[in-house]
Amino acid sequence: MRYWAHQGLAVAALMATCSIKAFALDMPGPAAQEVLVKSILVTLNDAVAADNFTILHAKISKPFREQFPPEKLRAVFKDLVEKHAVFDAVVAQKMIFDEDARIDEKGVLNLKGHFQTAPKQLRYQLGFIESEGTWKLSGVAIDIE
């Protein structure tokens, strides 16, 4: 089950239209990165399971919230909802980083990796920006294969 294309479009659309203050926050350490990744993936899992994206919407960055209201988030993740995808097991799994965490020239914290979940592996690519004084989601791509 691949969900890269739909979320990739969301990431591209958001990154192209947001103006971001570079390096407003320091690079979070590995434990904080794990909390960012797992908390957003579990929130996304809950949104998919309940077919209700209001809580996910509340947890994302302000620019992302403005571009993607709950109904638009639901449209982006429509395939996950319709296939009743469940991936909450990530909280009990070790994160495997595919690339070192980095903050790009636009101030986006990029985290990319995967979980060795069974029977399918979950890959993620997440972007976070400083929003309301903390790192908040600004782009998401997941792939369940």
N, C-alpha and C. Protein backbone atom coordinates (compact mmCIF):
# COMPACT_ATOMS: atom_id res chain seq x y z
N MET A 1 0.86 -1.16 0.00
CA MET A 1 0.00 0.00 0.00
C MET A 1 0.91 1.22 0.00
N ARG A 2 0.87 1.99 -1.02
CA ARG A 2 1.72 3.17 -1.14
C ARG A 2 0.87 4.42 -1.01
N TYR A 3 1.29 5.33 -0.17
CA TYR A 3 0.58 6.59 0.05
C TYR A 3 1.50 7.77 -0.19
N TRP A 4 2.59 7.52 -0.86
CA TRP A 4 3.62 8.52 -1.13
C TRP A 4 3.09 9.63 -2.01
N ALA A 5 2.44 9.28 -3.10
CA ALA A 5 2.06 10.28 -4.10
C ALA A 5 1.12 11.34 -3.52
N HIS A 6 0.08 10.91 -2.84
CA HIS A 6 -0.88 11.89 -2.30
C HIS A 6 -0.21 12.79 -1.27
N GLN A 7 0.49 12.19 -0.32
CA GLN A 7 1.13 13.00 0.69
C GLN A 7 2.28 13.82 0.09
N GLY A 8 2.96 13.28 -0.89
CA GLY A 8 4.04 14.03 -1.55
C GLY A 8 3.51 15.31 -2.15
N LEU A 9 2.33 15.26 -2.72
CA LEU A 9 1.72 16.47 -3.26
C LEU A 9 1.43 17.47 -2.15
N ALA A 10 0.96 16.98 -1.02
CA ALA A 10 0.69 17.87 0.10
C ALA A 10 1.97 18.53 0.60
N VAL A 11 3.03 17.76 0.69
CA VAL A 11 4.32 18.30 1.13
C VAL A 11 4.79 19.38 0.16
N ALA A 12 4.76 19.07 -1.12
CA ALA A 12 5.23 20.03 -2.12
C ALA A 12 4.39 21.30 -2.10
N ALA A 13 3.10 21.17 -1.99
CA ALA A 13 2.22 22.34 -1.98
C ALA A 13 2.50 23.21 -0.77
N LEU A 14 2.69 22.61 0.37
CA LEU A 14 2.91 23.38 1.58
C LEU A 14 4.28 24.05 1.56
N MET A 15 5.30 23.32 1.22
CA MET A 15 6.64 23.88 1.24
C MET A 15 6.80 25.02 0.24
N ALA A 16 6.09 24.96 -0.84
CA ALA A 16 6.20 25.99 -1.87
C ALA A 16 5.54 27.29 -1.46
N THR A 17 4.58 27.25 -0.54
CA THR A 17 3.81 28.45 -0.23
C THR A 17 4.09 29.04 1.14
N CYS A 18 4.84 28.35 1.99
CA CYS A 18 5.09 28.85 3.34
C CYS A 18 6.36 29.68 3.40
N SER A 19 6.30 30.79 4.09
CA SER A 19 7.54 31.49 4.40
C SER A 19 7.88 31.15 5.84
N ILE A 20 9.10 30.73 6.04
CA ILE A 20 9.50 30.18 7.33
C ILE A 20 10.75 30.90 7.81
N LYS A 21 10.78 31.22 9.12
CA LYS A 21 11.99 31.78 9.70
C LYS A 21 13.00 30.66 9.88
N ALA A 22 14.16 30.81 9.30
CA ALA A 22 15.17 29.76 9.36
C ALA A 22 15.76 29.64 10.75
N PHE A 23 15.95 28.41 11.19
CA PHE A 23 16.69 28.09 12.39
C PHE A 23 16.16 28.77 13.65
N ALA A 24 14.84 28.87 13.78
CA ALA A 24 14.24 29.47 14.96
C ALA A 24 14.42 28.59 16.19
N LEU A 25 14.49 27.29 15.99
CA LEU A 25 14.67 26.34 17.08
C LEU A 25 15.94 25.52 16.82
N ASP A 26 16.55 25.03 17.90
CA ASP A 26 17.72 24.17 17.76
C ASP A 26 17.32 22.79 17.28
N MET A 27 18.29 22.08 16.73
CA MET A 27 18.08 20.69 16.31
C MET A 27 17.71 19.86 17.54
N PRO A 28 16.57 19.19 17.50
CA PRO A 28 16.22 18.32 18.63
C PRO A 28 17.11 17.09 18.65
N GLY A 29 17.36 16.57 19.83
CA GLY A 29 18.16 15.36 19.97
C GLY A 29 17.38 14.14 19.52
N PRO A 30 18.04 12.98 19.48
CA PRO A 30 17.40 11.76 19.02
C PRO A 30 16.12 11.39 19.78
N ALA A 31 16.11 11.56 21.09
CA ALA A 31 14.90 11.22 21.86
C ALA A 31 13.74 12.15 21.49
N ALA A 32 14.02 13.43 21.33
CA ALA A 32 12.98 14.39 20.94
C ALA A 32 12.50 14.12 19.51
N GLN A 33 13.41 13.71 18.64
CA GLN A 33 13.02 13.36 17.27
C GLN A 33 12.07 12.17 17.29
N GLU A 34 12.37 11.19 18.13
CA GLU A 34 11.50 10.01 18.24
C GLU A 34 10.12 10.40 18.73
N VAL A 35 10.05 11.30 19.69
CA VAL A 35 8.75 11.77 20.19
C VAL A 35 7.99 12.48 19.08
N LEU A 36 8.65 13.34 18.32
CA LEU A 36 7.99 14.04 17.22
C LEU A 36 7.41 13.05 16.21
N VAL A 37 8.22 12.09 15.79
CA VAL A 37 7.79 11.14 14.76
C VAL A 37 6.67 10.26 15.28
N LYS A 38 6.89 9.62 16.41
CA LYS A 38 5.89 8.67 16.91
C LYS A 38 4.58 9.36 17.28
N SER A 39 4.65 10.53 17.88
CA SER A 39 3.40 11.20 18.28
C SER A 39 2.58 11.60 17.06
N ILE A 40 3.22 12.09 16.01
CA ILE A 40 2.45 12.50 14.84
C ILE A 40 1.92 11.29 14.09
N LEU A 41 2.69 10.19 14.03
CA LEU A 41 2.20 8.99 13.35
C LEU A 41 1.04 8.34 14.11
N VAL A 42 1.10 8.34 15.43
CA VAL A 42 -0.01 7.79 16.21
C VAL A 42 -1.23 8.69 16.08
N THR A 43 -1.05 9.99 16.05
CA THR A 43 -2.17 10.90 15.85
C THR A 43 -2.79 10.69 14.47
N LEU A 44 -1.94 10.52 13.45
CA LEU A 44 -2.45 10.23 12.11
C LEU A 44 -3.19 8.90 12.10
N ASN A 45 -2.63 7.88 12.76
CA ASN A 45 -3.30 6.58 12.84
C ASN A 45 -4.69 6.73 13.48
N ASP A 46 -4.76 7.48 14.56
CA ASP A 46 -6.05 7.68 15.24
C ASP A 46 -7.03 8.43 14.35
N ALA A 47 -6.54 9.42 13.60
CA ALA A 47 -7.40 10.17 12.68
C ALA A 47 -7.96 9.25 11.60
N VAL A 48 -7.11 8.39 11.08
CA VAL A 48 -7.54 7.44 10.05
C VAL A 48 -8.56 6.46 10.63
N ALA A 49 -8.26 5.91 11.80
CA ALA A 49 -9.15 4.92 12.42
C ALA A 49 -10.52 5.50 12.73
N ALA A 50 -10.54 6.75 13.20
CA ALA A 50 -11.81 7.40 13.57
C ALA A 50 -12.45 8.13 12.40
N ASP A 51 -11.70 8.25 11.30
CA ASP A 51 -12.14 9.05 10.15
C ASP A 51 -12.51 10.46 10.62
N ASN A 52 -11.62 11.00 11.46
CA ASN A 52 -11.83 12.33 12.03
C ASN A 52 -10.46 13.00 12.15
N PHE A 53 -10.25 14.06 11.37
CA PHE A 53 -8.93 14.67 11.29
C PHE A 53 -8.81 15.98 12.08
N THR A 54 -9.74 16.25 12.98
CA THR A 54 -9.71 17.51 13.73
C THR A 54 -8.54 17.55 14.72
N ILE A 55 -8.23 16.44 15.39
CA ILE A 55 -7.12 16.45 16.35
C ILE A 55 -5.80 16.56 15.62
N LEU A 56 -5.64 15.81 14.53
CA LEU A 56 -4.43 15.95 13.72
C LEU A 56 -4.29 17.39 13.26
N HIS A 57 -5.37 17.97 12.80
CA HIS A 57 -5.36 19.36 12.33
C HIS A 57 -4.87 20.30 13.42
N ALA A 58 -5.30 20.08 14.65
CA ALA A 58 -4.91 20.94 15.77
C ALA A 58 -3.43 20.81 16.11
N LYS A 59 -2.80 19.70 15.76
CA LYS A 59 -1.40 19.46 16.12
C LYS A 59 -0.40 19.88 15.05
N ILE A 60 -0.86 20.28 13.89
CA ILE A 60 0.06 20.65 12.82
C ILE A 60 0.39 22.13 12.87
N SER A 61 1.38 22.54 12.11
CA SER A 61 1.83 23.93 12.13
C SER A 61 0.73 24.86 11.62
N LYS A 62 0.79 26.09 12.06
CA LYS A 62 -0.24 27.07 11.67
C LYS A 62 -0.36 27.21 10.15
N PRO A 63 0.76 27.35 9.40
CA PRO A 63 0.60 27.45 7.94
C PRO A 63 -0.04 26.21 7.32
N PHE A 64 0.30 25.02 7.86
CA PHE A 64 -0.28 23.77 7.38
C PHE A 64 -1.78 23.74 7.70
N ARG A 65 -2.14 24.18 8.91
CA ARG A 65 -3.57 24.23 9.30
C ARG A 65 -4.35 25.14 8.37
N GLU A 66 -3.76 26.26 8.00
CA GLU A 66 -4.46 27.21 7.13
C GLU A 66 -4.68 26.64 5.74
N GLN A 67 -3.74 25.86 5.23
CA GLN A 67 -3.86 25.29 3.89
C GLN A 67 -4.65 23.99 3.87
N PHE A 68 -4.62 23.26 4.98
CA PHE A 68 -5.23 21.93 5.01
C PHE A 68 -6.21 21.82 6.18
N PRO A 69 -7.44 22.31 6.00
CA PRO A 69 -8.46 22.10 7.04
C PRO A 69 -8.74 20.60 7.18
N PRO A 70 -9.43 20.18 8.25
CA PRO A 70 -9.65 18.74 8.46
C PRO A 70 -10.22 18.00 7.25
N GLU A 71 -11.15 18.60 6.53
CA GLU A 71 -11.74 17.90 5.39
C GLU A 71 -10.73 17.70 4.26
N LYS A 72 -9.80 18.63 4.12
CA LYS A 72 -8.76 18.48 3.09
C LYS A 72 -7.73 17.44 3.53
N LEU A 73 -7.41 17.40 4.83
CA LEU A 73 -6.53 16.35 5.34
C LEU A 73 -7.16 14.98 5.09
N ARG A 74 -8.45 14.89 5.32
CA ARG A 74 -9.15 13.62 5.09
C ARG A 74 -9.04 13.22 3.62
N ALA A 75 -9.15 14.18 2.72
CA ALA A 75 -9.03 13.88 1.29
C ALA A 75 -7.62 13.40 0.95
N VAL A 76 -6.61 13.99 1.57
CA VAL A 76 -5.22 13.58 1.33
C VAL A 76 -5.01 12.14 1.78
N PHE A 77 -5.59 11.78 2.91
CA PHE A 77 -5.40 10.45 3.48
C PHE A 77 -6.57 9.51 3.21
N LYS A 78 -7.34 9.81 2.19
CA LYS A 78 -8.53 9.04 1.83
C LYS A 78 -8.24 7.54 1.67
N ASP A 79 -7.16 7.21 0.99
CA ASP A 79 -6.83 5.80 0.77
C ASP A 79 -6.57 5.07 2.09
N LEU A 80 -5.89 5.73 3.02
CA LEU A 80 -5.66 5.11 4.33
C LEU A 80 -6.97 4.85 5.04
N VAL A 81 -7.88 5.82 5.00
CA VAL A 81 -9.18 5.68 5.65
C VAL A 81 -9.96 4.53 5.01
N GLU A 82 -10.03 4.54 3.70
CA GLU A 82 -10.82 3.52 3.00
C GLU A 82 -10.26 2.11 3.17
N LYS A 83 -8.95 1.99 3.34
CA LYS A 83 -8.34 0.67 3.51
C LYS A 83 -8.20 0.30 4.98
N HIS A 84 -8.72 1.17 5.86
CA HIS A 84 -8.67 0.92 7.31
C HIS A 84 -7.24 0.61 7.77
N ALA A 85 -6.30 1.39 7.28
CA ALA A 85 -4.89 1.18 7.63
C ALA A 85 -4.68 1.39 9.13
N VAL A 86 -3.93 0.51 9.72
CA VAL A 86 -3.60 0.60 11.14
C VAL A 86 -2.08 0.51 11.25
N PHE A 87 -1.49 1.51 11.88
CA PHE A 87 -0.04 1.50 12.02
C PHE A 87 0.39 2.05 13.38
N ASP A 88 -0.46 1.86 14.40
CA ASP A 88 -0.13 2.35 15.73
C ASP A 88 0.95 1.53 16.41
N ALA A 89 1.33 0.38 15.85
CA ALA A 89 2.39 -0.45 16.42
C ALA A 89 3.75 0.25 16.40
N VAL A 90 3.85 1.36 15.67
CA VAL A 90 5.14 2.07 15.61
C VAL A 90 5.61 2.53 16.98
N VAL A 91 4.69 2.80 17.90
CA VAL A 91 5.10 3.29 19.21
C VAL A 91 5.97 2.27 19.96
N ALA A 92 5.78 0.99 19.66
CA ALA A 92 6.55 -0.05 20.34
C ALA A 92 7.79 -0.47 19.56
N GLN A 93 7.99 0.12 18.40
CA GLN A 93 9.09 -0.27 17.53
C GLN A 93 10.23 0.74 17.58
N LYS A 94 11.41 0.24 17.28
CA LYS A 94 12.58 1.11 17.18
C LYS A 94 12.53 1.85 15.85
N MET A 95 12.80 3.15 15.90
CA MET A 95 12.90 3.95 14.68
C MET A 95 14.24 3.68 14.03
N ILE A 96 14.22 3.57 12.72
CA ILE A 96 15.45 3.42 11.96
C ILE A 96 15.54 4.63 11.04
N PHE A 97 16.57 5.46 11.27
CA PHE A 97 16.73 6.65 10.45
C PHE A 97 17.34 6.28 9.11
N ASP A 98 16.71 6.72 8.03
CA ASP A 98 17.26 6.49 6.69
C ASP A 98 18.23 7.59 6.30
N GLU A 99 18.10 8.73 6.92
CA GLU A 99 19.00 9.87 6.71
C GLU A 99 19.17 10.57 8.05
N ASP A 100 20.29 11.28 8.19
CA ASP A 100 20.47 12.09 9.39
C ASP A 100 19.44 13.21 9.39
N ALA A 101 18.95 13.53 10.56
CA ALA A 101 18.04 14.67 10.69
C ALA A 101 18.77 15.93 10.26
N ARG A 102 18.03 16.82 9.60
CA ARG A 102 18.65 18.07 9.18
C ARG A 102 17.62 19.18 9.16
N ILE A 103 18.11 20.38 9.35
CA ILE A 103 17.28 21.57 9.20
C ILE A 103 17.73 22.24 7.92
N ASP A 104 16.82 22.36 6.96
CA ASP A 104 17.20 22.91 5.66
C ASP A 104 17.25 24.43 5.69
N GLU A 105 17.57 25.03 4.54
CA GLU A 105 17.73 26.49 4.43
C GLU A 105 16.44 27.25 4.71
N LYS A 106 15.29 26.59 4.66
CA LYS A 106 14.02 27.24 4.97
C LYS A 106 13.60 27.04 6.42
N GLY A 107 14.44 26.38 7.20
CA GLY A 107 14.14 26.15 8.60
C GLY A 107 13.28 24.92 8.85
N VAL A 108 13.15 24.05 7.85
CA VAL A 108 12.35 22.84 7.99
C VAL A 108 13.21 21.71 8.56
N LEU A 109 12.76 21.15 9.66
CA LEU A 109 13.40 19.97 10.24
C LEU A 109 12.89 18.76 9.46
N ASN A 110 13.80 18.07 8.79
CA ASN A 110 13.43 16.91 7.97
C ASN A 110 13.86 15.63 8.67
N LEU A 111 12.87 14.74 8.87
CA LEU A 111 13.12 13.46 9.50
C LEU A 111 12.63 12.37 8.55
N LYS A 112 13.51 11.44 8.23
CA LYS A 112 13.17 10.39 7.27
C LYS A 112 13.68 9.06 7.81
N GLY A 113 12.78 8.06 7.80
CA GLY A 113 13.17 6.76 8.29
C GLY A 113 12.08 5.74 8.10
N HIS A 114 12.19 4.65 8.87
CA HIS A 114 11.18 3.60 8.78
C HIS A 114 11.13 2.80 10.07
N PHE A 115 10.11 1.97 10.16
CA PHE A 115 9.92 1.04 11.27
C PHE A 115 9.82 -0.36 10.68
N GLN A 116 10.43 -1.32 11.33
CA GLN A 116 10.34 -2.71 10.89
C GLN A 116 9.08 -3.33 11.50
N THR A 117 7.95 -2.87 11.03
CA THR A 117 6.69 -3.41 11.50
C THR A 117 6.29 -4.59 10.63
N ALA A 118 5.53 -5.49 11.20
CA ALA A 118 5.10 -6.67 10.44
C ALA A 118 3.57 -6.67 10.36
N PRO A 119 3.00 -7.11 9.31
CA PRO A 119 3.63 -7.74 8.16
C PRO A 119 4.17 -6.73 7.16
N LYS A 120 3.87 -5.45 7.34
CA LYS A 120 4.31 -4.43 6.38
C LYS A 120 5.22 -3.44 7.08
N GLN A 121 6.11 -2.86 6.31
CA GLN A 121 7.04 -1.85 6.82
C GLN A 121 6.47 -0.46 6.58
N LEU A 122 6.59 0.40 7.57
CA LEU A 122 6.14 1.78 7.44
C LEU A 122 7.35 2.69 7.26
N ARG A 123 7.37 3.44 6.15
CA ARG A 123 8.40 4.44 5.90
C ARG A 123 7.76 5.82 6.05
N TYR A 124 8.53 6.75 6.55
CA TYR A 124 8.01 8.10 6.74
C TYR A 124 9.02 9.14 6.29
N GLN A 125 8.50 10.25 5.88
CA GLN A 125 9.28 11.45 5.62
C GLN A 125 8.44 12.59 6.17
N LEU A 126 8.94 13.23 7.23
CA LEU A 126 8.18 14.26 7.92
C LEU A 126 8.97 15.56 7.93
N GLY A 127 8.26 16.66 7.78
CA GLY A 127 8.84 17.98 7.90
C GLY A 127 8.19 18.71 9.05
N PHE A 128 8.99 19.39 9.85
CA PHE A 128 8.49 20.16 10.98
C PHE A 128 9.06 21.57 10.89
N ILE A 129 8.24 22.55 11.24
CA ILE A 129 8.71 23.93 11.31
C ILE A 129 8.40 24.49 12.69
N GLU A 130 9.07 25.58 13.02
CA GLU A 130 8.75 26.27 14.26
C GLU A 130 7.39 26.93 14.07
N SER A 131 6.48 26.60 14.93
CA SER A 131 5.14 27.17 14.89
C SER A 131 4.65 27.26 16.33
N GLU A 132 4.32 28.44 16.74
CA GLU A 132 3.81 28.66 18.09
C GLU A 132 4.80 28.20 19.16
N GLY A 133 6.10 28.40 18.85
CA GLY A 133 7.15 28.15 19.82
C GLY A 133 7.67 26.73 19.92
N THR A 134 7.21 25.86 19.05
CA THR A 134 7.66 24.47 19.10
C THR A 134 7.70 23.88 17.69
N TRP A 135 8.31 22.70 17.54
CA TRP A 135 8.32 22.02 16.25
C TRP A 135 6.93 21.45 16.00
N LYS A 136 6.34 21.80 14.85
CA LYS A 136 5.04 21.26 14.48
C LYS A 136 5.09 20.81 13.03
N LEU A 137 4.28 19.82 12.73
CA LEU A 137 4.26 19.20 11.41
C LEU A 137 3.94 20.20 10.31
N SER A 138 4.74 20.12 9.23
CA SER A 138 4.50 20.98 8.07
C SER A 138 4.44 20.19 6.78
N GLY A 139 4.74 18.91 6.83
CA GLY A 139 4.67 18.07 5.64
C GLY A 139 4.79 16.61 6.04
N VAL A 140 4.08 15.75 5.32
CA VAL A 140 4.09 14.33 5.68
C VAL A 140 3.99 13.47 4.43
N ALA A 141 4.79 12.42 4.42
CA ALA A 141 4.68 11.39 3.40
C ALA A 141 4.93 10.06 4.12
N ILE A 142 4.03 9.12 3.91
CA ILE A 142 4.24 7.79 4.47
C ILE A 142 4.05 6.76 3.37
N ASP A 143 4.69 5.64 3.57
CA ASP A 143 4.62 4.54 2.62
C ASP A 143 4.51 3.26 3.45
N ILE A 144 3.46 2.51 3.22
CA ILE A 144 3.27 1.23 3.92
C ILE A 144 3.40 0.14 2.86
N GLU A 145 4.45 -0.67 2.99
CA GLU A 145 4.67 -1.73 1.99
C GLU A 145 4.95 -3.05 2.64
